[in-house]
PDB file of N, CA and C in Angstrom:
ATOM      1  N   UNK A   1       4.612  -3.521  21.524  1.00  0.00           N
ATOM      2  CA  UNK A   1       3.240  -3.600  21.079  1.00  0.00           C
ATOM      3  C   UNK A   1       2.820  -5.068  21.166  1.00  0.00           C
ATOM      4  N   UNK A   2       1.688  -5.331  21.750  1.00  0.00           N
ATOM      5  CA  UNK A   2       1.257  -6.702  21.979  1.00  0.00           C
ATOM      6  C   UNK A   2       0.129  -7.116  21.032  1.00  0.00           C
ATOM      7  N   UNK A   3       0.349  -6.940  19.771  1.00  0.00           N
ATOM      8  CA  UNK A   3      -0.620  -7.360  18.765  1.00  0.00           C
ATOM      9  C   UNK A   3       0.051  -8.375  17.845  1.00  0.00           C
ATOM     10  N   UNK A   4      -0.722  -9.287  17.334  1.00  0.00           N
ATOM     11  CA  UNK A   4      -0.197 -10.219  16.348  1.00  0.00           C
ATOM     12  C   UNK A   4       0.029  -9.490  15.028  1.00  0.00           C
ATOM     13  N   UNK A   5       1.015  -9.926  14.284  1.00  0.00           N
ATOM     14  CA  UNK A   5       1.276  -9.330  12.970  1.00  0.00           C
ATOM     15  C   UNK A   5       0.033  -9.388  12.090  1.00  0.00           C
ATOM     16  N   UNK A   6      -0.716 -10.482  12.202  1.00  0.00           N
ATOM     17  CA  UNK A   6      -1.932 -10.651  11.417  1.00  0.00           C
ATOM     18  C   UNK A   6      -2.972  -9.586  11.768  1.00  0.00           C
ATOM     19  N   UNK A   7      -3.092  -9.274  13.069  1.00  0.00           N
ATOM     20  CA  UNK A   7      -4.066  -8.271  13.516  1.00  0.00           C
ATOM     21  C   UNK A   7      -3.704  -6.879  13.001  1.00  0.00           C
ATOM     22  N   UNK A   8      -2.433  -6.554  13.069  1.00  0.00           N
ATOM     23  CA  UNK A   8      -1.984  -5.246  12.581  1.00  0.00           C
ATOM     24  C   UNK A   8      -2.213  -5.154  11.077  1.00  0.00           C
ATOM     25  N   UNK A   9      -1.870  -6.202  10.373  1.00  0.00           N
ATOM     26  CA  UNK A   9      -2.054  -6.236   8.919  1.00  0.00           C
ATOM     27  C   UNK A   9      -3.518  -5.986   8.564  1.00  0.00           C
ATOM     28  N   UNK A  10      -4.422  -6.703   9.226  1.00  0.00           N
ATOM     29  CA  UNK A  10      -5.852  -6.559   8.930  1.00  0.00           C
ATOM     30  C   UNK A  10      -6.366  -5.165   9.275  1.00  0.00           C
ATOM     31  N   UNK A  11      -5.889  -4.599  10.389  1.00  0.00           N
ATOM     32  CA  UNK A  11      -6.312  -3.251  10.768  1.00  0.00           C
ATOM     33  C   UNK A  11      -5.857  -2.241   9.721  1.00  0.00           C
ATOM     34  N   UNK A  12      -4.602  -2.343   9.312  1.00  0.00           N
ATOM     35  CA  UNK A  12      -4.081  -1.416   8.300  1.00  0.00           C
ATOM     36  C   UNK A  12      -4.834  -1.607   6.988  1.00  0.00           C
ATOM     37  N   UNK A  13      -5.073  -2.847   6.610  1.00  0.00           N
ATOM     38  CA  UNK A  13      -5.804  -3.133   5.373  1.00  0.00           C
ATOM     39  C   UNK A  13      -7.169  -2.439   5.374  1.00  0.00           C
ATOM     40  N   UNK A  14      -7.835  -2.443   6.527  1.00  0.00           N
ATOM     41  CA  UNK A  14      -9.147  -1.799   6.629  1.00  0.00           C
ATOM     42  C   UNK A  14      -9.066  -0.278   6.559  1.00  0.00           C
ATOM     43  N   UNK A  15      -7.953   0.303   7.039  1.00  0.00           N
ATOM     44  CA  UNK A  15      -7.822   1.759   7.062  1.00  0.00           C
ATOM     45  C   UNK A  15      -7.108   2.340   5.846  1.00  0.00           C
ATOM     46  N   UNK A  16      -6.528   1.507   4.997  1.00  0.00           N
ATOM     47  CA  UNK A  16      -5.793   2.016   3.829  1.00  0.00           C
ATOM     48  C   UNK A  16      -6.620   2.987   2.989  1.00  0.00           C
ATOM     49  N   UNK A  17      -7.893   2.713   2.687  1.00  0.00           N
ATOM     50  CA  UNK A  17      -8.653   3.679   1.876  1.00  0.00           C
ATOM     51  C   UNK A  17      -8.728   5.059   2.530  1.00  0.00           C
ATOM     52  N   UNK A  18      -8.890   5.106   3.829  1.00  0.00           N
ATOM     53  CA  UNK A  18      -8.978   6.387   4.538  1.00  0.00           C
ATOM     54  C   UNK A  18      -7.621   7.088   4.566  1.00  0.00           C
ATOM     55  N   UNK A  19      -6.575   6.312   4.790  1.00  0.00           N
ATOM     56  CA  UNK A  19      -5.226   6.875   4.894  1.00  0.00           C
ATOM     57  C   UNK A  19      -4.706   7.331   3.536  1.00  0.00           C
ATOM     58  N   UNK A  20      -5.125   6.676   2.474  1.00  0.00           N
ATOM     59  CA  UNK A  20      -4.550   6.961   1.159  1.00  0.00           C
ATOM     60  C   UNK A  20      -5.191   8.148   0.441  1.00  0.00           C
ATOM     61  N   UNK A  21      -6.131   8.832   1.056  1.00  0.00           N
ATOM     62  CA  UNK A  21      -6.789   9.962   0.389  1.00  0.00           C
ATOM     63  C   UNK A  21      -5.784  11.019  -0.069  1.00  0.00           C
ATOM     64  N   UNK A  22      -4.843  11.379   0.803  1.00  0.00           N
ATOM     65  CA  UNK A  22      -3.833  12.380   0.458  1.00  0.00           C
ATOM     66  C   UNK A  22      -2.953  11.886  -0.683  1.00  0.00           C
ATOM     67  N   UNK A  23      -2.488  10.650  -0.578  1.00  0.00           N
ATOM     68  CA  UNK A  23      -1.613  10.073  -1.592  1.00  0.00           C
ATOM     69  C   UNK A  23      -2.356  10.002  -2.937  1.00  0.00           C
ATOM     70  N   UNK A  24      -3.606   9.587  -2.899  1.00  0.00           N
ATOM     71  CA  UNK A  24      -4.411   9.510  -4.126  1.00  0.00           C
ATOM     72  C   UNK A  24      -4.567  10.880  -4.771  1.00  0.00           C
ATOM     73  N   UNK A  25      -4.692  11.914  -3.955  1.00  0.00           N
ATOM     74  CA  UNK A  25      -4.876  13.261  -4.498  1.00  0.00           C
ATOM     75  C   UNK A  25      -3.640  13.754  -5.247  1.00  0.00           C
ATOM     76  N   UNK A  26      -2.515  13.091  -5.045  1.00  0.00           N
ATOM     77  CA  UNK A  26      -1.275  13.452  -5.732  1.00  0.00           C
ATOM     78  C   UNK A  26      -0.936  12.468  -6.847  1.00  0.00           C
ATOM     79  N   UNK A  27      -1.900  11.633  -7.217  1.00  0.00           N
ATOM     80  CA  UNK A  27      -1.679  10.687  -8.298  1.00  0.00           C
ATOM     81  C   UNK A  27      -0.979   9.409  -7.881  1.00  0.00           C
ATOM     82  N   UNK A  28      -0.980   9.131  -6.596  1.00  0.00           N
ATOM     83  CA  UNK A  28      -0.305   7.936  -6.100  1.00  0.00           C
ATOM     84  C   UNK A  28      -1.255   6.978  -5.427  1.00  0.00           C
ATOM     85  N   UNK A  29      -0.683   5.944  -4.863  1.00  0.00           N
ATOM     86  CA  UNK A  29      -1.449   4.953  -4.135  1.00  0.00           C
ATOM     87  C   UNK A  29      -0.584   4.299  -3.086  1.00  0.00           C
ATOM     88  N   UNK A  30      -1.207   3.481  -2.252  1.00  0.00           N
ATOM     89  CA  UNK A  30      -0.495   2.761  -1.208  1.00  0.00           C
ATOM     90  C   UNK A  30      -0.820   1.283  -1.351  1.00  0.00           C
ATOM     91  N   UNK A  31       0.219   0.475  -1.429  1.00  0.00           N
ATOM     92  CA  UNK A  31       0.059  -0.974  -1.465  1.00  0.00           C
ATOM     93  C   UNK A  31       0.567  -1.532  -0.140  1.00  0.00           C
ATOM     94  N   UNK A  32      -0.277  -2.252   0.566  1.00  0.00           N
ATOM     95  CA  UNK A  32       0.114  -2.893   1.817  1.00  0.00           C
ATOM     96  C   UNK A  32       0.858  -4.175   1.482  1.00  0.00           C
ATOM     97  N   UNK A  33       2.111  -4.269   1.958  1.00  0.00           N
ATOM     98  CA  UNK A  33       2.929  -5.437   1.654  1.00  0.00           C
ATOM     99  C   UNK A  33       2.954  -6.446   2.796  1.00  0.00           C
ATOM    100  N   UNK A  34       3.055  -5.959   4.044  1.00  0.00           N
ATOM    101  CA  UNK A  34       3.151  -6.887   5.160  1.00  0.00           C
ATOM    102  C   UNK A  34       3.328  -6.175   6.479  1.00  0.00           C
ATOM    103  N   UNK A  35       3.453  -6.981   7.552  1.00  0.00           N
ATOM    104  CA  UNK A  35       3.690  -6.425   8.888  1.00  0.00           C
ATOM    105  C   UNK A  35       4.526  -7.403   9.697  1.00  0.00           C
ATOM    106  N   UNK A  36       5.332  -6.835  10.594  1.00  0.00           N
ATOM    107  CA  UNK A  36       6.150  -7.647  11.480  1.00  0.00           C
ATOM    108  C   UNK A  36       6.573  -6.804  12.679  1.00  0.00           C
ATOM    109  N   UNK A  37       6.297  -7.326  13.860  1.00  0.00           N
ATOM    110  CA  UNK A  37       6.766  -6.722  15.113  1.00  0.00           C
ATOM    111  C   UNK A  37       6.438  -5.231  15.235  1.00  0.00           C
ATOM    112  N   UNK A  38       5.216  -4.856  14.925  1.00  0.00           N
ATOM    113  CA  UNK A  38       4.792  -3.469  15.087  1.00  0.00           C
ATOM    114  C   UNK A  38       5.205  -2.547  13.962  1.00  0.00           C
ATOM    115  N   UNK A  39       5.726  -3.104  12.897  1.00  0.00           N
ATOM    116  CA  UNK A  39       6.110  -2.312  11.732  1.00  0.00           C
ATOM    117  C   UNK A  39       5.278  -2.768  10.538  1.00  0.00           C
ATOM    118  N   UNK A  40       4.752  -1.799   9.815  1.00  0.00           N
ATOM    119  CA  UNK A  40       3.953  -2.058   8.627  1.00  0.00           C
ATOM    120  C   UNK A  40       4.802  -1.689   7.414  1.00  0.00           C
ATOM    121  N   UNK A  41       4.799  -2.562   6.423  1.00  0.00           N
ATOM    122  CA  UNK A  41       5.567  -2.347   5.208  1.00  0.00           C
ATOM    123  C   UNK A  41       4.603  -2.046   4.076  1.00  0.00           C
ATOM    124  N   UNK A  42       4.821  -0.888   3.438  1.00  0.00           N
ATOM    125  CA  UNK A  42       3.971  -0.444   2.343  1.00  0.00           C
ATOM    126  C   UNK A  42       4.840  -0.166   1.133  1.00  0.00           C
ATOM    127  N   UNK A  43       4.177   0.058   0.022  1.00  0.00           N
ATOM    128  CA  UNK A  43       4.861   0.531  -1.183  1.00  0.00           C
ATOM    129  C   UNK A  43       4.032   1.666  -1.739  1.00  0.00           C
ATOM    130  N   UNK A  44       4.641   2.837  -1.841  1.00  0.00           N
ATOM    131  CA  UNK A  44       3.964   3.957  -2.486  1.00  0.00           C
ATOM    132  C   UNK A  44       4.036   3.720  -3.987  1.00  0.00           C
ATOM    133  N   UNK A  45       2.922   3.896  -4.655  1.00  0.00           N
ATOM    134  CA  UNK A  45       2.841   3.603  -6.083  1.00  0.00           C
ATOM    135  C   UNK A  45       2.440   4.851  -6.857  1.00  0.00           C
ATOM    136  N   UNK A  46       2.395   4.727  -8.165  1.00  0.00           N
ATOM    137  CA  UNK A  46       2.003   5.844  -9.018  1.00  0.00           C
ATOM    138  C   UNK A  46       2.998   6.979  -8.912  1.00  0.00           C
ATOM    139  N   UNK A  47       2.503   8.193  -8.935  1.00  0.00           N
ATOM    140  CA  UNK A  47       3.363   9.375  -8.890  1.00  0.00           C
ATOM    141  C   UNK A  47       4.151   9.468  -7.595  1.00  0.00           C
ATOM    142  N   UNK A  48       3.660   8.862  -6.536  1.00  0.00           N
ATOM    143  CA  UNK A  48       4.338   8.924  -5.231  1.00  0.00           C
ATOM    144  C   UNK A  48       5.462   7.907  -5.109  1.00  0.00           C
ATOM    145  N   UNK A  49       5.477   6.903  -5.983  1.00  0.00           N
ATOM    146  CA  UNK A  49       6.464   5.835  -5.894  1.00  0.00           C
ATOM    147  C   UNK A  49       7.898   6.303  -6.004  1.00  0.00           C
ATOM    148  N   UNK A  50       8.193   7.156  -6.923  1.00  0.00           N
ATOM    149  CA  UNK A  50       9.563   7.609  -7.116  1.00  0.00           C
ATOM    150  C   UNK A  50       9.787   9.042  -6.672  1.00  0.00           C
ATOM    151  N   UNK A  51       8.827   9.611  -5.992  1.00  0.00           N
ATOM    152  CA  UNK A  51       8.899  11.016  -5.586  1.00  0.00           C
ATOM    153  C   UNK A  51       9.967  11.231  -4.520  1.00  0.00           C
ATOM    154  N   UNK A  52      10.650  12.345  -4.606  1.00  0.00           N
ATOM    155  CA  UNK A  52      11.677  12.670  -3.618  1.00  0.00           C
ATOM    156  C   UNK A  52      11.087  12.953  -2.238  1.00  0.00           C
ATOM    157  N   UNK A  53       9.792  13.180  -2.174  1.00  0.00           N
ATOM    158  CA  UNK A  53       9.127  13.437  -0.890  1.00  0.00           C
ATOM    159  C   UNK A  53       8.480  12.186  -0.306  1.00  0.00           C
ATOM    160  N   UNK A  54       8.794  10.998  -0.846  1.00  0.00           N
ATOM    161  CA  UNK A  54       8.129   9.767  -0.398  1.00  0.00           C
ATOM    162  C   UNK A  54       8.408   9.444   1.063  1.00  0.00           C
ATOM    163  N   UNK A  55       9.609   9.741   1.560  1.00  0.00           N
ATOM    164  CA  UNK A  55       9.899   9.501   2.983  1.00  0.00           C
ATOM    165  C   UNK A  55       9.020  10.396   3.852  1.00  0.00           C
ATOM    166  N   UNK A  56       8.885  11.650   3.470  1.00  0.00           N
ATOM    167  CA  UNK A  56       8.042  12.589   4.217  1.00  0.00           C
ATOM    168  C   UNK A  56       6.581  12.131   4.172  1.00  0.00           C
ATOM    169  N   UNK A  57       6.119  11.707   3.017  1.00  0.00           N
ATOM    170  CA  UNK A  57       4.743  11.220   2.893  1.00  0.00           C
ATOM    171  C   UNK A  57       4.524   9.994   3.768  1.00  0.00           C
ATOM    172  N   UNK A  58       5.487   9.080   3.759  1.00  0.00           N
ATOM    173  CA  UNK A  58       5.362   7.860   4.561  1.00  0.00           C
ATOM    174  C   UNK A  58       5.257   8.188   6.043  1.00  0.00           C
ATOM    175  N   UNK A  59       6.128   9.034   6.538  1.00  0.00           N
ATOM    176  CA  UNK A  59       6.185   9.313   7.977  1.00  0.00           C
ATOM    177  C   UNK A  59       5.144  10.338   8.430  1.00  0.00           C
ATOM    178  N   UNK A  60       5.001  11.427   7.698  1.00  0.00           N
ATOM    179  CA  UNK A  60       4.150  12.530   8.154  1.00  0.00           C
ATOM    180  C   UNK A  60       2.687  12.379   7.755  1.00  0.00           C
ATOM    181  N   UNK A  61       2.406  11.513   6.816  1.00  0.00           N
ATOM    182  CA  UNK A  61       1.014  11.314   6.395  1.00  0.00           C
ATOM    183  C   UNK A  61       0.547   9.907   6.778  1.00  0.00           C
ATOM    184  N   UNK A  62       1.178   8.897   6.193  1.00  0.00           N
ATOM    185  CA  UNK A  62       0.713   7.520   6.375  1.00  0.00           C
ATOM    186  C   UNK A  62       0.930   7.052   7.820  1.00  0.00           C
ATOM    187  N   UNK A  63       2.164   7.141   8.308  1.00  0.00           N
ATOM    188  CA  UNK A  63       2.449   6.675   9.665  1.00  0.00           C
ATOM    189  C   UNK A  63       1.670   7.466  10.708  1.00  0.00           C
ATOM    190  N   UNK A  64       1.624   8.773  10.549  1.00  0.00           N
ATOM    191  CA  UNK A  64       0.901   9.620  11.505  1.00  0.00           C
ATOM    192  C   UNK A  64      -0.565   9.207  11.599  1.00  0.00           C
ATOM    193  N   UNK A  65      -1.209   9.016  10.460  1.00  0.00           N
ATOM    194  CA  UNK A  65      -2.634   8.663  10.447  1.00  0.00           C
ATOM    195  C   UNK A  65      -2.858   7.258  11.004  1.00  0.00           C
ATOM    196  N   UNK A  66      -2.012   6.291  10.631  1.00  0.00           N
ATOM    197  CA  UNK A  66      -2.170   4.939  11.153  1.00  0.00           C
ATOM    198  C   UNK A  66      -1.924   4.885  12.659  1.00  0.00           C
ATOM    199  N   UNK A  67      -1.018   5.709  13.153  1.00  0.00           N
ATOM    200  CA  UNK A  67      -0.801   5.778  14.608  1.00  0.00           C
ATOM    201  C   UNK A  67      -2.047   6.307  15.311  1.00  0.00           C
ATOM    202  N   UNK A  68      -2.703   7.281  14.707  1.00  0.00           N
ATOM    203  CA  UNK A  68      -3.942   7.810  15.297  1.00  0.00           C
ATOM    204  C   UNK A  68      -5.043   6.753  15.296  1.00  0.00           C
ATOM    205  N   UNK A  69      -5.134   5.991  14.217  1.00  0.00           N
ATOM    206  CA  UNK A  69      -6.227   5.043  14.041  1.00  0.00           C
ATOM    207  C   UNK A  69      -5.999   3.684  14.705  1.00  0.00           C
ATOM    208  N   UNK A  70      -4.743   3.251  14.825  1.00  0.00           N
ATOM    209  CA  UNK A  70      -4.471   1.890  15.293  1.00  0.00           C
ATOM    210  C   UNK A  70      -3.696   1.853  16.604  1.00  0.00           C
ATOM    211  N   UNK A  71      -2.480   2.409  16.608  1.00  0.00           N
ATOM    212  CA  UNK A  71      -1.648   2.361  17.815  1.00  0.00           C
ATOM    213  C   UNK A  71      -0.569   3.436  17.712  1.00  0.00           C
ATOM    214  N   UNK A  72      -0.293   4.157  18.813  1.00  0.00           N
ATOM    215  CA  UNK A  72       0.637   5.286  18.758  1.00  0.00           C
ATOM    216  C   UNK A  72       2.109   4.928  18.531  1.00  0.00           C
ATOM    217  N   UNK A  73       2.490   3.665  18.615  1.00  0.00           N
ATOM    218  CA  UNK A  73       3.892   3.315  18.383  1.00  0.00           C
ATOM    219  C   UNK A  73       4.107   2.544  17.077  1.00  0.00           C
ATOM    220  N   UNK A  74       3.083   2.457  16.267  1.00  0.00           N
ATOM    221  CA  UNK A  74       3.178   1.751  14.991  1.00  0.00           C
ATOM    222  C   UNK A  74       4.203   2.436  14.093  1.00  0.00           C
ATOM    223  N   UNK A  75       5.037   1.647  13.441  1.00  0.00           N
ATOM    224  CA  UNK A  75       6.012   2.178  12.488  1.00  0.00           C
ATOM    225  C   UNK A  75       5.594   1.798  11.080  1.00  0.00           C
ATOM    226  N   UNK A  76       5.894   2.678  10.129  1.00  0.00           N
ATOM    227  CA  UNK A  76       5.576   2.411   8.728  1.00  0.00           C
ATOM    228  C   UNK A  76       6.839   2.615   7.903  1.00  0.00           C
ATOM    229  N   UNK A  77       7.138   1.642   7.067  1.00  0.00           N
ATOM    230  CA  UNK A  77       8.300   1.720   6.184  1.00  0.00           C
ATOM    231  C   UNK A  77       7.827   1.556   4.749  1.00  0.00           C
ATOM    232  N   UNK A  78       8.284   2.477   3.892  1.00  0.00           N
ATOM    233  CA  UNK A  78       8.014   2.386   2.465  1.00  0.00           C
ATOM    234  C   UNK A  78       9.129   1.546   1.847  1.00  0.00           C
ATOM    235  N   UNK A  79       8.778   0.379   1.369  1.00  0.00           N
ATOM    236  CA  UNK A  79       9.747  -0.517   0.735  1.00  0.00           C
ATOM    237  C   UNK A  79      10.044   0.066  -0.647  1.00  0.00           C
ATOM    238  N   UNK A  80      11.211   0.707  -0.737  1.00  0.00           N
ATOM    239  CA  UNK A  80      11.528   1.468  -1.948  1.00  0.00           C
ATOM    240  C   UNK A  80      12.724   0.940  -2.727  1.00  0.00           C
ATOM    241  N   UNK A  81      13.178  -0.257  -2.374  1.00  0.00           N
ATOM    242  CA  UNK A  81      14.297  -0.836  -3.102  1.00  0.00           C
ATOM    243  C   UNK A  81      15.648  -0.595  -2.454  1.00  0.00           C
ATOM    244  N   UNK A  82      15.700   0.223  -1.411  1.00  0.00           N
ATOM    245  CA  UNK A  82      16.959   0.443  -0.715  1.00  0.00           C
ATOM    246  C   UNK A  82      17.119  -0.602   0.391  1.00  0.00           C
ATOM    247  N   UNK A  83      18.364  -0.893   0.738  1.00  0.00           N
ATOM    248  CA  UNK A  83      18.655  -1.943   1.725  1.00  0.00           C
ATOM    249  C   UNK A  83      18.038  -1.644   3.090  1.00  0.00           C
ATOM    250  N   UNK A  84      18.031  -0.382   3.490  1.00  0.00           N
ATOM    251  CA  UNK A  84      17.507  -0.039   4.826  1.00  0.00           C
ATOM    252  C   UNK A  84      15.983  -0.100   4.909  1.00  0.00           C
ATOM    253  N   UNK A  85      15.312  -0.177   3.770  1.00  0.00           N
ATOM    254  CA  UNK A  85      13.851  -0.218   3.750  1.00  0.00           C
ATOM    255  C   UNK A  85      13.299  -1.532   3.198  1.00  0.00           C
ATOM    256  N   UNK A  86      14.041  -2.599   3.382  1.00  0.00           N
ATOM    257  CA  UNK A  86      13.564  -3.907   2.918  1.00  0.00           C
ATOM    258  C   UNK A  86      12.568  -4.492   3.902  1.00  0.00           C
ATOM    259  N   UNK A  87      11.652  -5.291   3.390  1.00  0.00           N
ATOM    260  CA  UNK A  87      10.713  -5.999   4.241  1.00  0.00           C
ATOM    261  C   UNK A  87      11.327  -7.348   4.600  1.00  0.00           C
ATOM    262  N   UNK A  88      11.272  -7.739   5.871  1.00  0.00           N
ATOM    263  CA  UNK A  88      11.808  -9.056   6.242  1.00  0.00           C
ATOM    264  C   UNK A  88      11.071 -10.171   5.509  1.00  0.00           C
ATOM    265  N   UNK A  89      11.782 -11.222   5.181  1.00  0.00           N
ATOM    266  CA  UNK A  89      11.185 -12.334   4.450  1.00  0.00           C
ATOM    267  C   UNK A  89      10.109 -13.043   5.263  1.00  0.00           C
ATOM    268  N   UNK A  90      10.194 -12.955   6.595  1.00  0.00           N
ATOM    269  CA  UNK A  90       9.217 -13.643   7.439  1.00  0.00           C
ATOM    270  C   UNK A  90       8.080 -12.731   7.902  1.00  0.00           C
ATOM    271  N   UNK A  91       7.922 -11.572   7.250  1.00  0.00           N
ATOM    272  CA  UNK A  91       6.819 -10.677   7.594  1.00  0.00           C
ATOM    273  C   UNK A  91       5.496 -11.308   7.176  1.00  0.00           C
ATOM    274  N   UNK A  92       4.444 -10.993   7.918  1.00  0.00           N
ATOM    275  CA  UNK A  92       3.113 -11.486   7.579  1.00  0.00           C
ATOM    276  C   UNK A  92       2.616 -10.698   6.368  1.00  0.00           C
ATOM    277  N   UNK A  93       2.168 -11.403   5.337  1.00  0.00           N
ATOM    278  CA  UNK A  93       1.749 -10.745   4.092  1.00  0.00           C
ATOM    279  C   UNK A  93       0.288 -10.978   3.747  1.00  0.00           C
ATOM    280  N   UNK A  94      -0.492 -11.409   4.709  1.00  0.00           N
ATOM    281  CA  UNK A  94      -1.909 -11.595   4.479  1.00  0.00           C
ATOM    282  C   UNK A  94      -2.219 -12.996   4.008  1.00  0.00           C
ATOM    283  N   UNK A  95      -3.507 -13.307   3.971  1.00  0.00           N
ATOM    284  CA  UNK A  95      -3.908 -14.641   3.517  1.00  0.00           C
ATOM    285  C   UNK A  95      -3.564 -14.830   2.047  1.00  0.00           C
ATOM    286  N   UNK A  96      -3.180 -16.011   1.717  1.00  0.00           N
ATOM    287  CA  UNK A  96      -2.839 -16.316   0.327  1.00  0.00           C
ATOM    288  C   UNK A  96      -4.121 -16.367  -0.486  1.00  0.00           C
ATOM    289  N   UNK A  97      -4.206 -15.489  -1.469  1.00  0.00           N
ATOM    290  CA  UNK A  97      -5.384 -15.433  -2.330  1.00  0.00           C
ATOM    291  C   UNK A  97      -4.997 -15.899  -3.720  1.00  0.00           C
ATOM    292  N   UNK A  98      -5.888 -16.640  -4.320  1.00  0.00           N
ATOM    293  CA  UNK A  98      -5.647 -17.117  -5.674  1.00  0.00           C
ATOM    294  C   UNK A  98      -5.867 -15.965  -6.640  1.00  0.00           C
ATOM    295  N   UNK A  99      -4.855 -15.694  -7.470  1.00  0.00           N
ATOM    296  CA  UNK A  99      -4.980 -14.634  -8.451  1.00  0.00           C
ATOM    297  C   UNK A  99      -5.784 -15.134  -9.639  1.00  0.00           C
ATOM    298  N   UNK A 100      -6.674 -14.286 -10.110  1.00  0.00           N
ATOM    299  CA  UNK A 100      -7.524 -14.638 -11.244  1.00  0.00           C
ATOM    300  C   UNK A 100      -7.120 -13.751 -12.417  1.00  0.00           C
ATOM    301  N   UNK A 101      -6.724 -14.394 -13.482  1.00  0.00           N
ATOM    302  CA  UNK A 101      -6.321 -13.682 -14.700  1.00  0.00           C
ATOM    303  C   UNK A 101      -7.566 -13.328 -15.512  1.00  0.00           C
ATOM    304  N   UNK A 102      -7.578 -12.124 -16.068  1.00  0.00           N
ATOM    305  CA  UNK A 102      -8.684 -11.718 -16.930  1.00  0.00           C
ATOM    306  C   UNK A 102      -8.661 -12.539 -18.216  1.00  0.00           C
ATOM    307  N   UNK A 103      -9.829 -12.860 -18.707  1.00  0.00           N
ATOM    308  CA  UNK A 103      -9.919 -13.602 -19.969  1.00  0.00           C
ATOM    309  C   UNK A 103      -9.572 -12.671 -21.125  1.00  0.00           C
ATOM    310  N   UNK A 104      -9.276 -13.257 -22.279  1.00  0.00           N
ATOM    311  CA  UNK A 104      -8.976 -12.451 -23.466  1.00  0.00           C
ATOM    312  C   UNK A 104     -10.150 -11.548 -23.808  1.00  0.00           C
ATOM    313  N   UNK A 105     -11.367 -12.061 -23.628  1.00  0.00           N
ATOM    314  CA  UNK A 105     -12.568 -11.275 -23.913  1.00  0.00           C
ATOM    315  C   UNK A 105     -12.654 -10.067 -22.978  1.00  0.00           C
ATOM    316  N   UNK A 106     -12.344 -10.270 -21.692  1.00  0.00           N
ATOM    317  CA  UNK A 106     -12.383  -9.155 -20.733  1.00  0.00           C
ATOM    318  C   UNK A 106     -11.296  -8.132 -21.051  1.00  0.00           C
ATOM    319  N   UNK A 107     -10.093  -8.619 -21.402  1.00  0.00           N
ATOM    320  CA  UNK A 107      -9.000  -7.712 -21.755  1.00  0.00           C
ATOM    321  C   UNK A 107      -9.380  -6.884 -22.977  1.00  0.00           C
ATOM    322  N   UNK A 108      -9.974  -7.519 -23.975  1.00  0.00           N
ATOM    323  CA  UNK A 108     -10.384  -6.821 -25.189  1.00  0.00           C
ATOM    324  C   UNK A 108     -11.416  -5.744 -24.857  1.00  0.00           C
ATOM    325  N   UNK A 109     -12.352  -6.067 -23.956  1.00  0.00           N
ATOM    326  CA  UNK A 109     -13.370  -5.101 -23.548  1.00  0.00           C
ATOM    327  C   UNK A 109     -12.765  -3.882 -22.865  1.00  0.00           C
ATOM    328  N   UNK A 110     -11.738  -4.099 -22.049  1.00  0.00           N
ATOM    329  CA  UNK A 110     -11.064  -2.993 -21.364  1.00  0.00           C
ATOM    330  C   UNK A 110     -10.374  -2.099 -22.376  1.00  0.00           C
ATOM    331  N   UNK A 111      -9.695  -2.702 -23.344  1.00  0.00           N
ATOM    332  CA  UNK A 111      -8.999  -1.922 -24.376  1.00  0.00           C
ATOM    333  C   UNK A 111     -10.003  -1.109 -25.186  1.00  0.00           C
ATOM    334  N   UNK A 112     -11.133  -1.704 -25.547  1.00  0.00           N
ATOM    335  CA  UNK A 112     -12.169  -0.977 -26.283  1.00  0.00           C
ATOM    336  C   UNK A 112     -12.685   0.207 -25.478  1.00  0.00           C
ATOM    337  N   UNK A 113     -12.876   0.002 -24.180  1.00  0.00           N
ATOM    338  CA  UNK A 113     -13.337   1.095 -23.312  1.00  0.00           C
ATOM    339  C   UNK A 113     -12.325   2.229 -23.272  1.00  0.00           C
ATOM    340  N   UNK A 114     -11.043   1.903 -23.184  1.00  0.00           N
ATOM    341  CA  UNK A 114     -10.005   2.933 -23.149  1.00  0.00           C
ATOM    342  C   UNK A 114      -9.967   3.677 -24.466  1.00  0.00           C
ATOM    343  N   UNK A 115     -10.056   2.939 -25.571  1.00  0.00           N
ATOM    344  CA  UNK A 115     -10.054   3.580 -26.894  1.00  0.00           C
ATOM    345  C   UNK A 115     -11.240   4.533 -27.029  1.00  0.00           C
ATOM    346  N   UNK A 116     -12.388   4.105 -26.520  1.00  0.00           N
ATOM    347  CA  UNK A 116     -13.582   4.941 -26.578  1.00  0.00           C
ATOM    348  C   UNK A 116     -13.388   6.216 -25.764  1.00  0.00           C
ATOM    349  N   UNK A 117     -12.792   6.093 -24.596  1.00  0.00           N
ATOM    350  CA  UNK A 117     -12.580   7.249 -23.716  1.00  0.00           C
ATOM    351  C   UNK A 117     -11.637   8.265 -24.335  1.00  0.00           C
ATOM    352  N   UNK A 118     -10.558   7.774 -24.954  1.00  0.00           N
ATOM    353  CA  UNK A 118      -9.575   8.690 -25.544  1.00  0.00           C
ATOM    354  C   UNK A 118      -9.905   9.081 -26.982  1.00  0.00           C
ATOM    355  N   UNK A 119     -10.999   8.542 -27.516  1.00  0.00           N
ATOM    356  CA  UNK A 119     -11.476   8.954 -28.831  1.00  0.00           C
ATOM    357  C   UNK A 119     -10.801   8.268 -29.999  1.00  0.00           C
ATOM    358  N   UNK A 120     -10.333   7.051 -29.806  1.00  0.00           N
ATOM    359  CA  UNK A 120      -9.701   6.320 -30.918  1.00  0.00           C
ATOM    360  C   UNK A 120     -10.706   5.466 -31.642  1.00  0.00           C
TER     361      UNK A 120
END
């Protein structure tokens, strides 16, 4: 595949919302971790993170859809903590973004909203 890791990463990043519809419907999510040499590294989260069907979901849902949308030889690996599914340290992980921590006031507002929703 003759694409830069950065290009593949950006393409996958743009298609993640479309690809994750199935995963979301099962209470899960997809986190894009990086890309290297035609392989995309993701992490299934939520209910899909520890599911015994995560390999099937990765290959038959996520990889299949990304191959249709981006390139037919694209590989997808779910980084699940096993040695065979590790992401290389030199994989492209996207532009470095500064993380912004919520203020105490914002955190308090979120907690109040949750309490209101659950009736506390």
